[in-house]
Amino acid sequence: MEINDVDYLHSTQIRSVERSAMASACERLIFEDAATTLDFFLAAFGVTFLGLSIIFGFVFNIMWHFNAEEARESIEEECNLKEAEIVEIRKQRVIPLEKKK
């Protein structure tokens, strides 16, 4: 009977150690899965942020280009109007001088 009790105690201790080892292994797996999942989400967020930054950079660059183009066109129109006014003023000044001669 003593041998059976010792065997039972020994097998119970082995099972307890096995359960403890299994529990710690499961905990490690859970933490590793959580860390892997967190790494995945951080990487996905980083890639998404980078992608959005690139897209918005292109969009703002294009918008800036068109705004600069529109500004250049409006400045050219203003310059043309001013040149036309200057030409008209010069014509008005030249005509009276020619009439006097």
N, C-alpha and C. Protein backbone atom coordinates (compact mmCIF):
# COMPACT_ATOMS: atom_id res chain seq x y z
N MET A 1 0.81 -1.19 0.00
CA MET A 1 0.00 0.00 0.00
C MET A 1 0.85 1.26 0.00
N GLU A 2 1.94 1.17 0.67
CA GLU A 2 2.79 2.34 0.72
C GLU A 2 3.36 2.66 -0.66
N ILE A 3 3.66 1.65 -1.38
CA ILE A 3 4.20 1.87 -2.72
C ILE A 3 3.16 2.55 -3.59
N ASN A 4 1.92 2.11 -3.49
CA ASN A 4 0.86 2.73 -4.27
C ASN A 4 0.64 4.18 -3.85
N ASP A 5 0.71 4.43 -2.55
CA ASP A 5 0.56 5.81 -2.08
C ASP A 5 1.69 6.69 -2.60
N VAL A 6 2.90 6.15 -2.58
CA VAL A 6 4.05 6.91 -3.09
C VAL A 6 3.90 7.13 -4.59
N ASP A 7 3.49 6.08 -5.28
CA ASP A 7 3.27 6.23 -6.72
C ASP A 7 2.18 7.25 -7.01
N TYR A 8 1.12 7.19 -6.22
CA TYR A 8 0.01 8.14 -6.41
C TYR A 8 0.49 9.56 -6.13
N LEU A 9 1.21 9.74 -5.03
CA LEU A 9 1.74 11.05 -4.68
C LEU A 9 2.70 11.54 -5.76
N HIS A 10 3.55 10.67 -6.22
CA HIS A 10 4.52 11.02 -7.26
C HIS A 10 3.79 11.40 -8.56
N SER A 11 2.79 10.61 -8.94
CA SER A 11 2.05 10.92 -10.17
C SER A 11 1.24 12.21 -10.01
N THR A 12 0.74 12.46 -8.80
CA THR A 12 0.01 13.71 -8.55
C THR A 12 0.96 14.90 -8.67
N GLN A 13 2.15 14.77 -8.13
CA GLN A 13 3.13 15.84 -8.23
C GLN A 13 3.54 16.07 -9.69
N ILE A 14 3.70 14.99 -10.41
CA ILE A 14 4.05 15.12 -11.83
C ILE A 14 2.94 15.84 -12.58
N ARG A 15 1.69 15.44 -12.31
CA ARG A 15 0.55 16.11 -12.97
C ARG A 15 0.50 17.58 -12.59
N SER A 16 0.77 17.88 -11.32
CA SER A 16 0.76 19.27 -10.87
C SER A 16 1.83 20.08 -11.59
N VAL A 17 3.01 19.51 -11.70
CA VAL A 17 4.10 20.19 -12.41
C VAL A 17 3.74 20.34 -13.88
N GLU A 18 3.15 19.30 -14.46
CA GLU A 18 2.74 19.37 -15.87
C GLU A 18 1.69 20.47 -16.06
N ARG A 19 0.71 20.52 -15.15
CA ARG A 19 -0.32 21.56 -15.26
C ARG A 19 0.29 22.95 -15.12
N SER A 20 1.20 23.08 -14.17
CA SER A 20 1.87 24.37 -13.98
C SER A 20 2.66 24.76 -15.22
N ALA A 21 3.36 23.79 -15.78
CA ALA A 21 4.13 24.05 -17.00
C ALA A 21 3.20 24.40 -18.15
N MET A 22 2.09 23.69 -18.25
CA MET A 22 1.12 23.98 -19.31
C MET A 22 0.53 25.37 -19.12
N ALA A 23 0.21 25.72 -17.87
CA ALA A 23 -0.36 27.03 -17.60
C ALA A 23 0.62 28.14 -17.96
N SER A 24 1.88 27.96 -17.57
CA SER A 24 2.86 29.01 -17.90
C SER A 24 3.11 29.06 -19.40
N ALA A 25 3.09 27.90 -20.06
CA ALA A 25 3.25 27.89 -21.52
C ALA A 25 2.08 28.60 -22.18
N CYS A 26 0.87 28.35 -21.67
CA CYS A 26 -0.31 29.02 -22.22
C CYS A 26 -0.23 30.53 -22.00
N GLU A 27 0.22 30.92 -20.80
CA GLU A 27 0.37 32.35 -20.52
C GLU A 27 1.38 32.98 -21.48
N ARG A 28 2.49 32.29 -21.69
CA ARG A 28 3.49 32.82 -22.63
C ARG A 28 2.92 32.93 -24.03
N LEU A 29 2.16 31.92 -24.44
CA LEU A 29 1.55 31.97 -25.77
C LEU A 29 0.57 33.13 -25.87
N ILE A 30 -0.22 33.32 -24.82
CA ILE A 30 -1.19 34.43 -24.83
C ILE A 30 -0.46 35.76 -24.94
N PHE A 31 0.59 35.93 -24.11
CA PHE A 31 1.34 37.18 -24.17
C PHE A 31 2.06 37.35 -25.50
N GLU A 32 2.59 36.27 -26.04
CA GLU A 32 3.25 36.35 -27.34
C GLU A 32 2.24 36.68 -28.43
N ASP A 33 1.05 36.06 -28.36
CA ASP A 33 0.00 36.39 -29.33
C ASP A 33 -0.42 37.84 -29.20
N ALA A 34 -0.56 38.29 -27.95
CA ALA A 34 -0.94 39.69 -27.74
C ALA A 34 0.14 40.62 -28.27
N ALA A 35 1.40 40.28 -28.01
CA ALA A 35 2.49 41.11 -28.50
C ALA A 35 2.54 41.09 -30.02
N THR A 36 2.34 39.91 -30.60
CA THR A 36 2.33 39.80 -32.06
C THR A 36 1.16 40.59 -32.64
N THR A 37 0.00 40.48 -32.01
CA THR A 37 -1.17 41.24 -32.47
C THR A 37 -0.92 42.73 -32.34
N LEU A 38 -0.34 43.14 -31.21
CA LEU A 38 -0.03 44.55 -31.01
C LEU A 38 0.99 45.01 -32.05
N ASP A 39 2.01 44.21 -32.29
CA ASP A 39 2.99 44.55 -33.33
C ASP A 39 2.33 44.68 -34.69
N PHE A 40 1.42 43.76 -34.97
CA PHE A 40 0.71 43.80 -36.25
C PHE A 40 -0.10 45.08 -36.38
N PHE A 41 -0.85 45.43 -35.31
CA PHE A 41 -1.67 46.64 -35.38
C PHE A 41 -0.81 47.89 -35.44
N LEU A 42 0.29 47.90 -34.70
CA LEU A 42 1.19 49.05 -34.78
C LEU A 42 1.80 49.17 -36.16
N ALA A 43 2.19 48.05 -36.73
CA ALA A 43 2.75 48.08 -38.09
C ALA A 43 1.69 48.51 -39.09
N ALA A 44 0.48 47.98 -38.94
CA ALA A 44 -0.60 48.36 -39.86
C ALA A 44 -0.91 49.84 -39.71
N PHE A 45 -0.94 50.33 -38.48
CA PHE A 45 -1.18 51.76 -38.26
C PHE A 45 -0.06 52.59 -38.87
N GLY A 46 1.18 52.14 -38.68
CA GLY A 46 2.31 52.87 -39.25
C GLY A 46 2.26 52.91 -40.76
N VAL A 47 1.96 51.77 -41.37
CA VAL A 47 1.86 51.71 -42.83
C VAL A 47 0.69 52.57 -43.31
N THR A 48 -0.43 52.48 -42.60
CA THR A 48 -1.59 53.30 -42.97
C THR A 48 -1.26 54.77 -42.85
N PHE A 49 -0.63 55.15 -41.74
CA PHE A 49 -0.26 56.55 -41.54
C PHE A 49 0.70 57.02 -42.61
N LEU A 50 1.67 56.17 -42.93
CA LEU A 50 2.63 56.51 -43.98
C LEU A 50 1.92 56.66 -45.32
N GLY A 51 1.03 55.70 -45.62
CA GLY A 51 0.28 55.77 -46.88
C GLY A 51 -0.57 57.02 -46.97
N LEU A 52 -1.27 57.33 -45.88
CA LEU A 52 -2.10 58.53 -45.87
C LEU A 52 -1.24 59.79 -45.99
N SER A 53 -0.09 59.78 -45.35
CA SER A 53 0.81 60.93 -45.46
C SER A 53 1.25 61.14 -46.90
N ILE A 54 1.58 60.05 -47.57
CA ILE A 54 2.00 60.15 -48.97
C ILE A 54 0.85 60.64 -49.83
N ILE A 55 -0.33 60.07 -49.63
CA ILE A 55 -1.50 60.47 -50.43
C ILE A 55 -1.82 61.94 -50.20
N PHE A 56 -1.89 62.35 -48.91
CA PHE A 56 -2.19 63.75 -48.63
C PHE A 56 -1.08 64.66 -49.13
N GLY A 57 0.15 64.19 -49.08
CA GLY A 57 1.24 64.98 -49.63
C GLY A 57 1.06 65.23 -51.12
N PHE A 58 0.71 64.19 -51.86
CA PHE A 58 0.45 64.36 -53.29
C PHE A 58 -0.74 65.27 -53.54
N VAL A 59 -1.80 65.08 -52.76
CA VAL A 59 -3.00 65.90 -52.94
C VAL A 59 -2.68 67.37 -52.67
N PHE A 60 -2.00 67.64 -51.56
CA PHE A 60 -1.67 69.03 -51.24
C PHE A 60 -0.69 69.61 -52.25
N ASN A 61 0.22 68.79 -52.74
CA ASN A 61 1.15 69.27 -53.76
C ASN A 61 0.40 69.64 -55.03
N ILE A 62 -0.53 68.80 -55.43
CA ILE A 62 -1.33 69.10 -56.63
C ILE A 62 -2.18 70.34 -56.41
N MET A 63 -2.81 70.43 -55.22
CA MET A 63 -3.62 71.61 -54.93
C MET A 63 -2.76 72.87 -54.94
N TRP A 64 -1.57 72.79 -54.33
CA TRP A 64 -0.68 73.93 -54.30
C TRP A 64 -0.26 74.32 -55.72
N HIS A 65 0.00 73.30 -56.54
CA HIS A 65 0.40 73.57 -57.92
C HIS A 65 -0.71 74.31 -58.67
N PHE A 66 -1.96 73.83 -58.52
CA PHE A 66 -3.06 74.49 -59.21
C PHE A 66 -3.33 75.88 -58.64
N ASN A 67 -3.20 76.03 -57.32
CA ASN A 67 -3.36 77.36 -56.74
C ASN A 67 -2.28 78.31 -57.24
N ALA A 68 -1.06 77.81 -57.34
CA ALA A 68 0.03 78.63 -57.86
C ALA A 68 -0.22 78.98 -59.32
N GLU A 69 -0.75 78.01 -60.07
CA GLU A 69 -1.06 78.26 -61.49
C GLU A 69 -2.16 79.32 -61.62
N GLU A 70 -3.19 79.20 -60.79
CA GLU A 70 -4.27 80.19 -60.82
C GLU A 70 -3.76 81.56 -60.41
N ALA A 71 -2.91 81.59 -59.39
CA ALA A 71 -2.34 82.87 -58.95
C ALA A 71 -1.50 83.48 -60.05
N ARG A 72 -0.71 82.66 -60.74
CA ARG A 72 0.11 83.17 -61.83
C ARG A 72 -0.76 83.73 -62.95
N GLU A 73 -1.83 83.01 -63.27
CA GLU A 73 -2.74 83.48 -64.32
C GLU A 73 -3.41 84.79 -63.92
N SER A 74 -3.84 84.90 -62.67
CA SER A 74 -4.49 86.14 -62.24
C SER A 74 -3.49 87.30 -62.23
N ILE A 75 -2.24 87.03 -61.86
CA ILE A 75 -1.22 88.08 -61.88
C ILE A 75 -0.94 88.49 -63.32
N GLU A 76 -0.89 87.52 -64.23
CA GLU A 76 -0.69 87.86 -65.65
C GLU A 76 -1.84 88.70 -66.17
N GLU A 77 -3.07 88.36 -65.79
CA GLU A 77 -4.23 89.15 -66.22
C GLU A 77 -4.14 90.58 -65.69
N GLU A 78 -3.76 90.72 -64.42
CA GLU A 78 -3.61 92.05 -63.85
C GLU A 78 -2.52 92.83 -64.56
N CYS A 79 -1.42 92.17 -64.85
CA CYS A 79 -0.33 92.84 -65.58
C CYS A 79 -0.78 93.27 -66.97
N ASN A 80 -1.53 92.41 -67.64
CA ASN A 80 -2.02 92.77 -68.97
C ASN A 80 -2.98 93.96 -68.90
N LEU A 81 -3.84 93.97 -67.88
CA LEU A 81 -4.75 95.11 -67.71
C LEU A 81 -3.97 96.39 -67.42
N LYS A 82 -2.98 96.30 -66.57
CA LYS A 82 -2.16 97.49 -66.25
C LYS A 82 -1.41 97.96 -67.49
N GLU A 83 -0.88 97.02 -68.27
CA GLU A 83 -0.19 97.40 -69.50
C GLU A 83 -1.14 98.07 -70.47
N ALA A 84 -2.36 97.56 -70.56
CA ALA A 84 -3.36 98.18 -71.44
C ALA A 84 -3.69 99.59 -70.95
N GLU A 85 -3.81 99.77 -69.65
CA GLU A 85 -4.07 101.11 -69.10
C GLU A 85 -2.91 102.05 -69.41
N ILE A 86 -1.69 101.55 -69.25
CA ILE A 86 -0.51 102.37 -69.53
C ILE A 86 -0.47 102.76 -71.00
N VAL A 87 -0.78 101.83 -71.88
CA VAL A 87 -0.80 102.12 -73.32
C VAL A 87 -1.86 103.17 -73.62
N GLU A 88 -3.04 103.07 -73.00
CA GLU A 88 -4.10 104.06 -73.21
C GLU A 88 -3.67 105.43 -72.72
N ILE A 89 -3.04 105.46 -71.55
CA ILE A 89 -2.58 106.75 -71.01
C ILE A 89 -1.52 107.35 -71.93
N ARG A 90 -0.62 106.54 -72.45
CA ARG A 90 0.41 107.04 -73.36
C ARG A 90 -0.21 107.54 -74.66
N LYS A 91 -1.23 106.83 -75.14
CA LYS A 91 -1.91 107.27 -76.37
C LYS A 91 -2.57 108.62 -76.15
N GLN A 92 -3.19 108.78 -74.97
CA GLN A 92 -3.84 110.06 -74.67
C GLN A 92 -2.81 111.18 -74.58
N ARG A 93 -1.65 110.91 -74.09
CA ARG A 93 -0.62 111.94 -73.97
C ARG A 93 0.03 112.23 -75.33
N VAL A 94 0.18 111.22 -76.14
CA VAL A 94 0.85 111.40 -77.43
C VAL A 94 -0.03 112.16 -78.40
N ILE A 95 -1.31 111.89 -78.42
CA ILE A 95 -2.22 112.53 -79.38
C ILE A 95 -2.25 114.05 -79.20
N PRO A 96 -2.40 114.56 -78.00
CA PRO A 96 -2.38 116.03 -77.89
C PRO A 96 -1.05 116.64 -78.33
N LEU A 97 0.05 115.97 -78.10
CA LEU A 97 1.33 116.50 -78.54
C LEU A 97 1.41 116.56 -80.05
N GLU A 98 0.86 115.58 -80.73
CA GLU A 98 0.89 115.58 -82.18
C GLU A 98 -0.04 116.66 -82.73
N LYS A 99 -1.13 116.92 -82.06
CA LYS A 99 -2.06 117.94 -82.53
C LYS A 99 -1.46 119.33 -82.39
N LYS A 100 -0.63 119.52 -81.38
CA LYS A 100 0.00 120.82 -81.18
C LYS A 100 1.01 121.12 -82.28
N LYS A 101 1.65 120.13 -82.81
CA LYS A 101 2.67 120.36 -83.82
C LYS A 101 2.00 120.66 -85.10
